[in-house]
């Protein structure tokens, strides 16, 4: 009889623990859906943020302006912070490399270095600073354009939040670039 009482008490604890659960459906929580536009955005923005970081890093060696160096350092740091959740989604969703070129959304990645980047690598001082502002502005605008597309066509709420953060940060950078 004592065994039956212990089993009954254990069962009661299990049942009461289950009834306090936040999951009222009784099943596993459905993952936040994502579509092709979401996957493409994750792939594209990972590349754009990587490219932005490379452009920003050049300023430490070549700039003649403390203002450019300061903004470049800020962009490099924030780019690293922004990229991490995109890397996580890229792995979580098991997105194949260069998905965007396979889907015909963007041209395939360049096999040759970008001429503007090569020019940046050769420039120094005021010449570098002028060119850096132009190249970085173009890069930031490109990322904003990609972000607008996913906000129109994507369906994943987590990615939507990330995209809005990317848009805000890039809008701030664009304002700062215009002031230089």
N, C-alpha and C. Protein backbone atom coordinates (compact mmCIF):
# COMPACT_ATOMS: atom_id res chain seq x y z
N UNK A 1 0.82 -1.19 0.00
CA UNK A 1 0.00 0.00 0.00
C UNK A 1 0.87 1.26 0.00
N UNK A 2 1.95 1.19 0.74
CA UNK A 2 2.85 2.34 0.81
C UNK A 2 3.44 2.62 -0.56
N UNK A 3 3.79 1.57 -1.31
CA UNK A 3 4.33 1.73 -2.64
C UNK A 3 3.30 2.41 -3.55
N UNK A 4 2.08 2.03 -3.46
CA UNK A 4 1.02 2.61 -4.24
C UNK A 4 0.84 4.10 -3.91
N UNK A 5 0.96 4.44 -2.64
CA UNK A 5 0.85 5.84 -2.22
C UNK A 5 2.00 6.66 -2.79
N UNK A 6 3.22 6.11 -2.77
CA UNK A 6 4.39 6.80 -3.33
C UNK A 6 4.22 6.98 -4.83
N UNK A 7 3.78 5.92 -5.52
CA UNK A 7 3.56 6.02 -6.96
C UNK A 7 2.47 7.05 -7.27
N UNK A 8 1.41 7.04 -6.48
CA UNK A 8 0.32 8.01 -6.67
C UNK A 8 0.80 9.44 -6.47
N UNK A 9 1.62 9.65 -5.42
CA UNK A 9 2.15 10.98 -5.15
C UNK A 9 3.10 11.43 -6.27
N UNK A 10 3.93 10.51 -6.75
CA UNK A 10 4.86 10.82 -7.84
C UNK A 10 4.08 11.20 -9.10
N UNK A 11 3.04 10.42 -9.41
CA UNK A 11 2.21 10.70 -10.57
C UNK A 11 1.55 12.07 -10.43
N UNK A 12 1.06 12.38 -9.25
CA UNK A 12 0.42 13.67 -9.01
C UNK A 12 1.39 14.82 -9.23
N UNK A 13 2.64 14.64 -8.77
CA UNK A 13 3.66 15.68 -8.97
C UNK A 13 3.96 15.87 -10.45
N UNK A 14 4.07 14.78 -11.17
CA UNK A 14 4.36 14.86 -12.61
C UNK A 14 3.23 15.57 -13.33
N UNK A 15 2.01 15.16 -13.05
CA UNK A 15 0.86 15.77 -13.71
C UNK A 15 0.74 17.25 -13.35
N UNK A 16 0.94 17.58 -12.10
CA UNK A 16 0.83 19.00 -11.71
C UNK A 16 1.95 19.81 -12.34
N UNK A 17 3.13 19.22 -12.47
CA UNK A 17 4.23 19.92 -13.14
C UNK A 17 3.93 20.17 -14.59
N UNK A 18 3.30 19.21 -15.23
CA UNK A 18 2.95 19.38 -16.64
C UNK A 18 1.88 20.42 -16.84
N UNK A 19 0.95 20.51 -15.91
CA UNK A 19 -0.15 21.45 -16.10
C UNK A 19 0.30 22.90 -15.94
N UNK A 20 1.45 23.14 -15.32
CA UNK A 20 1.96 24.49 -15.18
C UNK A 20 2.79 24.92 -16.38
N UNK A 21 2.95 24.05 -17.34
CA UNK A 21 3.77 24.32 -18.51
C UNK A 21 3.18 25.46 -19.33
N UNK A 22 4.06 26.25 -19.95
CA UNK A 22 3.62 27.33 -20.84
C UNK A 22 3.15 26.79 -22.17
N UNK A 23 3.54 25.56 -22.50
CA UNK A 23 3.18 24.97 -23.77
C UNK A 23 1.81 24.31 -23.64
N UNK A 24 0.77 25.00 -24.03
CA UNK A 24 -0.60 24.51 -23.87
C UNK A 24 -0.99 23.54 -24.98
N UNK A 25 -0.19 23.45 -26.04
CA UNK A 25 -0.54 22.57 -27.14
C UNK A 25 -0.14 21.13 -26.88
N UNK A 26 0.77 20.91 -25.98
CA UNK A 26 1.21 19.57 -25.67
C UNK A 26 2.31 19.08 -26.59
N UNK A 27 2.63 19.83 -27.61
CA UNK A 27 3.66 19.41 -28.55
C UNK A 27 4.83 20.36 -28.55
N UNK A 28 5.84 20.04 -29.32
CA UNK A 28 7.00 20.94 -29.39
C UNK A 28 6.63 22.25 -30.07
N UNK A 29 7.32 23.30 -29.67
CA UNK A 29 7.08 24.62 -30.23
C UNK A 29 7.50 24.63 -31.70
N UNK A 30 6.64 25.21 -32.53
CA UNK A 30 6.94 25.30 -33.96
C UNK A 30 8.06 26.32 -34.18
N UNK A 31 9.02 25.99 -35.04
CA UNK A 31 10.07 26.98 -35.33
C UNK A 31 9.50 28.14 -36.14
N UNK A 32 10.13 29.29 -35.99
CA UNK A 32 9.73 30.47 -36.75
C UNK A 32 10.03 30.18 -38.22
N UNK A 33 9.00 30.21 -39.08
CA UNK A 33 9.24 29.85 -40.48
C UNK A 33 10.14 30.87 -41.18
N UNK A 34 10.81 30.39 -42.21
CA UNK A 34 11.60 31.28 -43.05
C UNK A 34 11.42 30.86 -44.50
N UNK A 35 11.65 31.79 -45.39
CA UNK A 35 11.47 31.52 -46.81
C UNK A 35 12.77 31.78 -47.57
N UNK A 36 12.68 31.69 -48.87
CA UNK A 36 13.85 31.87 -49.74
C UNK A 36 14.43 33.28 -49.60
N UNK A 37 13.58 34.27 -49.46
CA UNK A 37 14.06 35.65 -49.30
C UNK A 37 14.87 35.78 -48.01
N UNK A 38 14.43 35.11 -46.95
CA UNK A 38 15.16 35.14 -45.68
C UNK A 38 16.54 34.49 -45.84
N UNK A 39 16.58 33.32 -46.45
CA UNK A 39 17.85 32.61 -46.63
C UNK A 39 18.81 33.43 -47.49
N UNK A 40 18.28 34.01 -48.54
CA UNK A 40 19.12 34.82 -49.43
C UNK A 40 19.69 36.01 -48.68
N UNK A 41 18.86 36.66 -47.88
CA UNK A 41 19.32 37.81 -47.12
C UNK A 41 20.42 37.42 -46.14
N UNK A 42 20.25 36.32 -45.45
CA UNK A 42 21.29 35.87 -44.51
C UNK A 42 22.61 35.67 -45.25
N UNK A 43 22.57 35.00 -46.38
CA UNK A 43 23.79 34.74 -47.15
C UNK A 43 24.40 36.04 -47.67
N UNK A 44 23.58 36.90 -48.25
CA UNK A 44 24.08 38.14 -48.84
C UNK A 44 24.65 39.07 -47.77
N UNK A 45 23.92 39.26 -46.68
CA UNK A 45 24.37 40.21 -45.67
C UNK A 45 25.61 39.71 -44.95
N UNK A 46 25.76 38.41 -44.79
CA UNK A 46 27.02 37.88 -44.22
C UNK A 46 28.20 38.35 -45.07
N UNK A 47 28.05 38.23 -46.39
CA UNK A 47 29.11 38.68 -47.29
C UNK A 47 29.29 40.18 -47.27
N UNK A 48 28.18 40.92 -47.26
CA UNK A 48 28.27 42.38 -47.24
C UNK A 48 28.94 42.87 -45.97
N UNK A 49 28.60 42.27 -44.84
CA UNK A 49 29.23 42.69 -43.59
C UNK A 49 30.72 42.35 -43.57
N UNK A 50 31.08 41.22 -44.14
CA UNK A 50 32.50 40.86 -44.23
C UNK A 50 33.27 41.86 -45.10
N UNK A 51 32.66 42.23 -46.21
CA UNK A 51 33.28 43.19 -47.11
C UNK A 51 33.38 44.57 -46.45
N UNK A 52 32.35 44.95 -45.73
CA UNK A 52 32.35 46.23 -45.01
C UNK A 52 33.49 46.27 -44.00
N UNK A 53 33.69 45.17 -43.29
CA UNK A 53 34.77 45.09 -42.30
C UNK A 53 36.13 45.23 -42.97
N UNK A 54 36.31 44.61 -44.13
CA UNK A 54 37.59 44.72 -44.83
C UNK A 54 37.86 46.15 -45.26
N UNK A 55 36.84 46.82 -45.76
CA UNK A 55 36.99 48.21 -46.16
C UNK A 55 37.32 49.07 -44.94
N UNK A 56 36.63 48.85 -43.85
CA UNK A 56 36.88 49.61 -42.62
C UNK A 56 38.30 49.39 -42.11
N UNK A 57 38.78 48.17 -42.16
CA UNK A 57 40.11 47.85 -41.65
C UNK A 57 41.23 48.58 -42.39
N UNK A 58 41.01 48.89 -43.65
CA UNK A 58 42.04 49.61 -44.42
C UNK A 58 42.34 50.99 -43.85
N UNK A 59 41.35 51.61 -43.23
CA UNK A 59 41.52 52.98 -42.74
C UNK A 59 42.57 53.08 -41.65
N UNK A 60 42.74 52.05 -40.87
CA UNK A 60 43.73 52.09 -39.78
C UNK A 60 45.14 52.30 -40.32
N UNK A 61 45.42 51.77 -41.50
CA UNK A 61 46.77 51.86 -42.08
C UNK A 61 46.94 53.02 -43.05
N UNK A 62 45.86 53.44 -43.70
CA UNK A 62 46.00 54.33 -44.83
C UNK A 62 45.40 55.73 -44.68
N UNK A 63 44.52 55.90 -43.70
CA UNK A 63 43.82 57.17 -43.57
C UNK A 63 44.73 58.28 -43.06
N UNK A 64 44.40 59.50 -43.47
CA UNK A 64 45.09 60.67 -42.94
C UNK A 64 44.19 61.49 -42.05
N UNK A 65 42.99 60.97 -41.79
CA UNK A 65 42.00 61.72 -41.03
C UNK A 65 41.60 60.98 -39.76
N UNK A 66 41.75 61.62 -38.61
CA UNK A 66 41.29 60.97 -37.37
C UNK A 66 39.78 60.68 -37.39
N UNK A 67 39.00 61.51 -38.08
CA UNK A 67 37.56 61.27 -38.16
C UNK A 67 37.25 60.00 -38.96
N UNK A 68 37.96 59.80 -40.06
CA UNK A 68 37.77 58.58 -40.86
C UNK A 68 38.23 57.37 -40.06
N UNK A 69 39.38 57.48 -39.40
CA UNK A 69 39.88 56.37 -38.59
C UNK A 69 38.89 56.00 -37.48
N UNK A 70 38.32 57.00 -36.83
CA UNK A 70 37.37 56.75 -35.74
C UNK A 70 36.10 56.07 -36.26
N UNK A 71 35.55 56.58 -37.37
CA UNK A 71 34.35 55.96 -37.93
C UNK A 71 34.65 54.55 -38.43
N UNK A 72 35.80 54.38 -39.05
CA UNK A 72 36.17 53.04 -39.55
C UNK A 72 36.30 52.04 -38.40
N UNK A 73 36.88 52.45 -37.29
CA UNK A 73 37.00 51.57 -36.13
C UNK A 73 35.62 51.21 -35.58
N UNK A 74 34.73 52.19 -35.53
CA UNK A 74 33.35 51.95 -35.07
C UNK A 74 32.65 50.96 -36.01
N UNK A 75 32.78 51.17 -37.30
CA UNK A 75 32.14 50.29 -38.29
C UNK A 75 32.70 48.88 -38.17
N UNK A 76 34.01 48.76 -38.03
CA UNK A 76 34.62 47.42 -37.92
C UNK A 76 34.08 46.67 -36.70
N UNK A 77 33.99 47.35 -35.57
CA UNK A 77 33.49 46.71 -34.35
C UNK A 77 32.02 46.33 -34.49
N UNK A 78 31.21 47.26 -34.93
CA UNK A 78 29.77 47.00 -35.05
C UNK A 78 29.48 45.93 -36.10
N UNK A 79 30.29 45.89 -37.15
CA UNK A 79 30.12 44.88 -38.19
C UNK A 79 30.32 43.49 -37.61
N UNK A 80 31.35 43.32 -36.78
CA UNK A 80 31.58 42.03 -36.13
C UNK A 80 30.39 41.64 -35.27
N UNK A 81 29.85 42.60 -34.52
CA UNK A 81 28.70 42.33 -33.66
C UNK A 81 27.46 41.97 -34.48
N UNK A 82 27.25 42.67 -35.59
CA UNK A 82 26.09 42.41 -36.44
C UNK A 82 26.18 41.06 -37.13
N UNK A 83 27.37 40.65 -37.49
CA UNK A 83 27.52 39.43 -38.29
C UNK A 83 27.24 38.16 -37.50
N UNK A 84 27.51 38.15 -36.23
CA UNK A 84 27.38 36.92 -35.43
C UNK A 84 26.00 36.26 -35.54
N UNK A 85 24.89 36.99 -35.35
CA UNK A 85 23.59 36.32 -35.47
C UNK A 85 23.30 35.80 -36.89
N UNK A 86 23.88 36.46 -37.90
CA UNK A 86 23.71 35.97 -39.27
C UNK A 86 24.48 34.66 -39.46
N UNK A 87 25.66 34.57 -38.87
CA UNK A 87 26.40 33.32 -38.91
C UNK A 87 25.61 32.20 -38.24
N UNK A 88 24.98 32.52 -37.12
CA UNK A 88 24.18 31.52 -36.40
C UNK A 88 23.00 31.03 -37.25
N UNK A 89 22.27 31.96 -37.87
CA UNK A 89 21.15 31.57 -38.72
C UNK A 89 21.62 30.80 -39.94
N UNK A 90 22.74 31.19 -40.49
CA UNK A 90 23.32 30.50 -41.65
C UNK A 90 23.53 29.02 -41.33
N UNK A 91 24.09 28.76 -40.16
CA UNK A 91 24.33 27.37 -39.75
C UNK A 91 23.03 26.68 -39.36
N UNK A 92 22.18 27.36 -38.57
CA UNK A 92 20.93 26.77 -38.11
C UNK A 92 20.04 26.36 -39.28
N UNK A 93 19.96 27.20 -40.31
CA UNK A 93 19.11 26.91 -41.46
C UNK A 93 19.82 26.06 -42.50
N UNK A 94 21.11 25.76 -42.27
CA UNK A 94 21.90 24.92 -43.17
C UNK A 94 21.87 25.47 -44.61
N UNK A 95 22.19 26.75 -44.73
CA UNK A 95 22.17 27.43 -46.02
C UNK A 95 23.45 27.09 -46.77
N UNK A 96 23.33 26.63 -48.00
CA UNK A 96 24.54 26.34 -48.78
C UNK A 96 25.25 27.63 -49.18
N UNK A 97 26.55 27.57 -49.31
CA UNK A 97 27.33 28.73 -49.74
C UNK A 97 26.85 29.20 -51.11
N UNK A 98 26.98 30.47 -51.34
CA UNK A 98 26.63 31.17 -52.59
C UNK A 98 25.21 30.84 -53.08
N UNK A 99 24.30 30.71 -52.17
CA UNK A 99 22.91 30.43 -52.54
C UNK A 99 22.33 31.53 -53.42
N UNK A 100 22.72 32.76 -53.15
CA UNK A 100 22.14 33.87 -53.90
C UNK A 100 22.50 33.82 -55.36
N UNK A 101 23.70 33.36 -55.72
CA UNK A 101 24.06 33.29 -57.13
C UNK A 101 23.36 32.12 -57.80
N UNK A 102 23.10 31.06 -57.05
CA UNK A 102 22.40 29.91 -57.62
C UNK A 102 20.95 30.25 -57.91
N UNK A 103 20.37 31.14 -57.15
CA UNK A 103 18.97 31.51 -57.34
C UNK A 103 18.81 32.66 -58.32
N UNK A 104 19.89 33.16 -58.85
CA UNK A 104 19.81 34.22 -59.84
C UNK A 104 19.43 35.57 -59.28
N UNK A 105 19.54 35.72 -57.96
CA UNK A 105 19.14 36.98 -57.34
C UNK A 105 20.25 38.02 -57.50
N UNK A 106 21.46 37.59 -57.38
CA UNK A 106 22.61 38.46 -57.58
C UNK A 106 23.58 37.77 -58.51
N UNK A 107 24.46 38.51 -59.14
CA UNK A 107 25.46 37.85 -59.98
C UNK A 107 26.38 36.99 -59.11
N UNK A 108 27.02 36.00 -59.72
CA UNK A 108 27.96 35.18 -58.95
C UNK A 108 29.07 36.04 -58.35
N UNK A 109 29.66 35.58 -57.24
CA UNK A 109 30.74 36.34 -56.62
C UNK A 109 31.88 36.57 -57.62
N UNK A 110 32.53 37.71 -57.48
CA UNK A 110 33.64 38.04 -58.37
C UNK A 110 34.83 37.14 -58.13
N UNK A 111 35.45 36.78 -59.19
CA UNK A 111 36.68 36.00 -59.08
C UNK A 111 37.89 36.93 -59.02
N UNK A 112 37.71 38.16 -59.52
CA UNK A 112 38.79 39.14 -59.49
C UNK A 112 38.49 40.17 -58.41
N UNK A 113 39.53 40.73 -57.81
CA UNK A 113 39.30 41.74 -56.77
C UNK A 113 38.56 42.96 -57.33
N UNK A 114 37.77 43.59 -56.48
CA UNK A 114 37.04 44.79 -56.84
C UNK A 114 38.03 45.92 -57.13
N UNK A 115 37.87 46.61 -58.28
CA UNK A 115 38.81 47.68 -58.63
C UNK A 115 38.86 48.80 -57.59
N UNK A 116 37.71 49.14 -56.99
CA UNK A 116 37.70 50.18 -55.96
C UNK A 116 38.51 49.76 -54.74
N UNK A 117 38.42 48.48 -54.39
CA UNK A 117 39.19 48.00 -53.24
C UNK A 117 40.68 48.02 -53.55
N UNK A 118 41.05 47.66 -54.77
CA UNK A 118 42.46 47.71 -55.16
C UNK A 118 42.97 49.15 -55.13
N UNK A 119 42.14 50.09 -55.59
CA UNK A 119 42.52 51.50 -55.55
C UNK A 119 42.67 51.96 -54.10
N UNK A 120 41.77 51.53 -53.22
CA UNK A 120 41.87 51.86 -51.80
C UNK A 120 43.17 51.35 -51.20
N UNK A 121 43.55 50.14 -51.58
CA UNK A 121 44.77 49.55 -51.04
C UNK A 121 46.02 50.33 -51.44
N UNK A 122 45.95 51.02 -52.56
CA UNK A 122 47.11 51.78 -53.05
C UNK A 122 47.12 53.23 -52.59
N UNK A 123 45.98 53.73 -52.13
CA UNK A 123 45.87 55.15 -51.76
C UNK A 123 46.28 55.36 -50.30
N UNK A 124 46.66 56.59 -50.01
CA UNK A 124 46.97 56.99 -48.63
C UNK A 124 46.50 58.43 -48.41
N UNK A 125 46.44 58.82 -47.15
CA UNK A 125 46.15 60.20 -46.80
C UNK A 125 44.80 60.68 -47.28
N UNK A 126 44.77 61.93 -47.74
CA UNK A 126 43.51 62.57 -48.15
C UNK A 126 42.89 61.85 -49.34
N UNK A 127 43.71 61.37 -50.27
CA UNK A 127 43.19 60.62 -51.42
C UNK A 127 42.45 59.37 -50.94
N UNK A 128 43.07 58.65 -50.00
CA UNK A 128 42.42 57.46 -49.43
C UNK A 128 41.11 57.84 -48.77
N UNK A 129 41.12 58.89 -47.98
CA UNK A 129 39.93 59.28 -47.22
C UNK A 129 38.74 59.58 -48.14
N UNK A 130 38.99 60.32 -49.22
CA UNK A 130 37.91 60.62 -50.17
C UNK A 130 37.36 59.35 -50.81
N UNK A 131 38.27 58.50 -51.24
CA UNK A 131 37.86 57.25 -51.89
C UNK A 131 37.18 56.32 -50.88
N UNK A 132 37.70 56.27 -49.66
CA UNK A 132 37.13 55.41 -48.62
C UNK A 132 35.68 55.81 -48.33
N UNK A 133 35.42 57.10 -48.22
CA UNK A 133 34.06 57.57 -47.96
C UNK A 133 33.14 57.14 -49.11
N UNK A 134 33.60 57.28 -50.35
CA UNK A 134 32.78 56.89 -51.51
C UNK A 134 32.50 55.39 -51.52
N UNK A 135 33.54 54.59 -51.33
CA UNK A 135 33.40 53.13 -51.36
C UNK A 135 32.54 52.64 -50.19
N UNK A 136 32.78 53.19 -49.01
CA UNK A 136 32.00 52.77 -47.84
C UNK A 136 30.55 53.19 -47.98
N UNK A 137 30.30 54.37 -48.52
CA UNK A 137 28.93 54.83 -48.74
C UNK A 137 28.20 53.88 -49.68
N UNK A 138 28.85 53.50 -50.75
CA UNK A 138 28.26 52.56 -51.71
C UNK A 138 27.96 51.21 -51.03
N UNK A 139 28.88 50.76 -50.22
CA UNK A 139 28.71 49.48 -49.52
C UNK A 139 27.54 49.55 -48.53
N UNK A 140 27.47 50.61 -47.77
CA UNK A 140 26.39 50.78 -46.79
C UNK A 140 25.04 50.87 -47.50
N UNK A 141 24.97 51.61 -48.59
CA UNK A 141 23.73 51.72 -49.35
C UNK A 141 23.30 50.37 -49.93
N UNK A 142 24.26 49.56 -50.36
CA UNK A 142 23.96 48.23 -50.87
C UNK A 142 23.33 47.35 -49.80
N UNK A 143 23.86 47.42 -48.59
CA UNK A 143 23.31 46.63 -47.49
C UNK A 143 21.92 47.12 -47.12
N UNK A 144 21.71 48.42 -47.13
CA UNK A 144 20.38 48.97 -46.86
C UNK A 144 19.38 48.48 -47.91
N UNK A 145 19.79 48.44 -49.16
CA UNK A 145 18.92 47.95 -50.23
C UNK A 145 18.55 46.48 -50.01
N UNK A 146 19.52 45.66 -49.65
CA UNK A 146 19.25 44.25 -49.36
C UNK A 146 18.28 44.12 -48.19
N UNK A 147 18.44 44.97 -47.21
CA UNK A 147 17.59 44.93 -46.02
C UNK A 147 16.15 45.30 -46.36
N UNK A 148 15.99 46.30 -47.19
CA UNK A 148 14.64 46.69 -47.60
C UNK A 148 13.93 45.54 -48.30
N UNK A 149 14.66 44.78 -49.10
CA UNK A 149 14.06 43.64 -49.83
C UNK A 149 13.58 42.57 -48.88
N UNK A 150 14.37 42.24 -47.86
CA UNK A 150 13.93 41.18 -46.94
C UNK A 150 12.78 41.66 -46.07
N UNK A 151 12.76 42.93 -45.74
CA UNK A 151 11.64 43.45 -44.95
C UNK A 151 10.34 43.40 -45.76
N UNK A 152 10.44 43.49 -47.07
CA UNK A 152 9.27 43.38 -47.94
C UNK A 152 8.85 41.93 -48.17
N UNK A 153 9.84 41.02 -48.32
CA UNK A 153 9.56 39.68 -48.80
C UNK A 153 9.83 38.55 -47.81
N UNK A 154 10.54 38.82 -46.74
CA UNK A 154 10.88 37.77 -45.79
C UNK A 154 9.73 37.47 -44.85
N UNK A 155 9.82 36.33 -44.17
CA UNK A 155 8.74 35.98 -43.25
C UNK A 155 9.22 35.62 -41.85
N UNK A 156 10.52 35.49 -41.64
CA UNK A 156 11.03 35.09 -40.33
C UNK A 156 11.09 36.29 -39.39
N UNK A 157 10.40 36.19 -38.26
CA UNK A 157 10.32 37.33 -37.34
C UNK A 157 11.67 37.65 -36.68
N UNK A 158 12.46 36.62 -36.37
CA UNK A 158 13.79 36.86 -35.78
C UNK A 158 14.66 37.62 -36.77
N UNK A 159 14.64 37.19 -38.03
CA UNK A 159 15.45 37.85 -39.05
C UNK A 159 14.93 39.26 -39.31
N UNK A 160 13.64 39.45 -39.24
CA UNK A 160 13.07 40.79 -39.42
C UNK A 160 13.64 41.75 -38.37
N UNK A 161 13.72 41.28 -37.13
CA UNK A 161 14.31 42.10 -36.07
C UNK A 161 15.77 42.42 -36.34
N UNK A 162 16.51 41.42 -36.81
CA UNK A 162 17.92 41.65 -37.16
C UNK A 162 18.03 42.63 -38.32
N UNK A 163 17.17 42.48 -39.30
CA UNK A 163 17.19 43.37 -40.47
C UNK A 163 16.91 44.81 -40.07
N UNK A 164 15.98 44.99 -39.16
CA UNK A 164 15.68 46.34 -38.69
C UNK A 164 16.87 46.94 -37.95
N UNK A 165 17.57 46.10 -37.17
CA UNK A 165 18.79 46.57 -36.49
C UNK A 165 19.87 46.93 -37.51
N UNK A 166 20.04 46.09 -38.53
CA UNK A 166 21.02 46.37 -39.59
C UNK A 166 20.67 47.69 -40.27
N UNK A 167 19.41 47.89 -40.58
CA UNK A 167 18.98 49.14 -41.23
C UNK A 167 19.29 50.35 -40.36
N UNK A 168 18.98 50.26 -39.08
CA UNK A 168 19.24 51.38 -38.17
C UNK A 168 20.73 51.72 -38.10
N UNK A 169 21.55 50.69 -37.92
CA UNK A 169 23.00 50.90 -37.81
C UNK A 169 23.55 51.48 -39.11
N UNK A 170 23.11 50.93 -40.24
CA UNK A 170 23.61 51.42 -41.52
C UNK A 170 23.12 52.84 -41.83
N UNK A 171 21.90 53.15 -41.42
CA UNK A 171 21.42 54.53 -41.59
C UNK A 171 22.30 55.50 -40.79
N UNK A 172 22.67 55.10 -39.57
CA UNK A 172 23.56 55.93 -38.75
C UNK A 172 24.92 56.11 -39.44
N UNK A 173 25.46 55.01 -39.97
CA UNK A 173 26.75 55.10 -40.66
C UNK A 173 26.65 56.03 -41.86
N UNK A 174 25.55 55.92 -42.60
CA UNK A 174 25.38 56.76 -43.78
C UNK A 174 25.37 58.24 -43.39
N UNK A 175 24.69 58.56 -42.31
CA UNK A 175 24.69 59.96 -41.83
C UNK A 175 26.10 60.40 -41.47
N UNK A 176 26.84 59.55 -40.78
CA UNK A 176 28.20 59.91 -40.39
C UNK A 176 29.11 60.03 -41.61
N UNK A 177 28.92 59.17 -42.60
CA UNK A 177 29.72 59.27 -43.83
C UNK A 177 29.43 60.56 -44.56
N UNK A 178 28.17 60.99 -44.58
CA UNK A 178 27.80 62.23 -45.25
C UNK A 178 28.41 63.44 -44.56
N UNK A 179 28.67 63.34 -43.26
CA UNK A 179 29.27 64.44 -42.52
C UNK A 179 30.77 64.56 -42.74
N UNK A 180 31.41 63.49 -43.22
CA UNK A 180 32.87 63.54 -43.43
C UNK A 180 33.27 64.36 -44.62
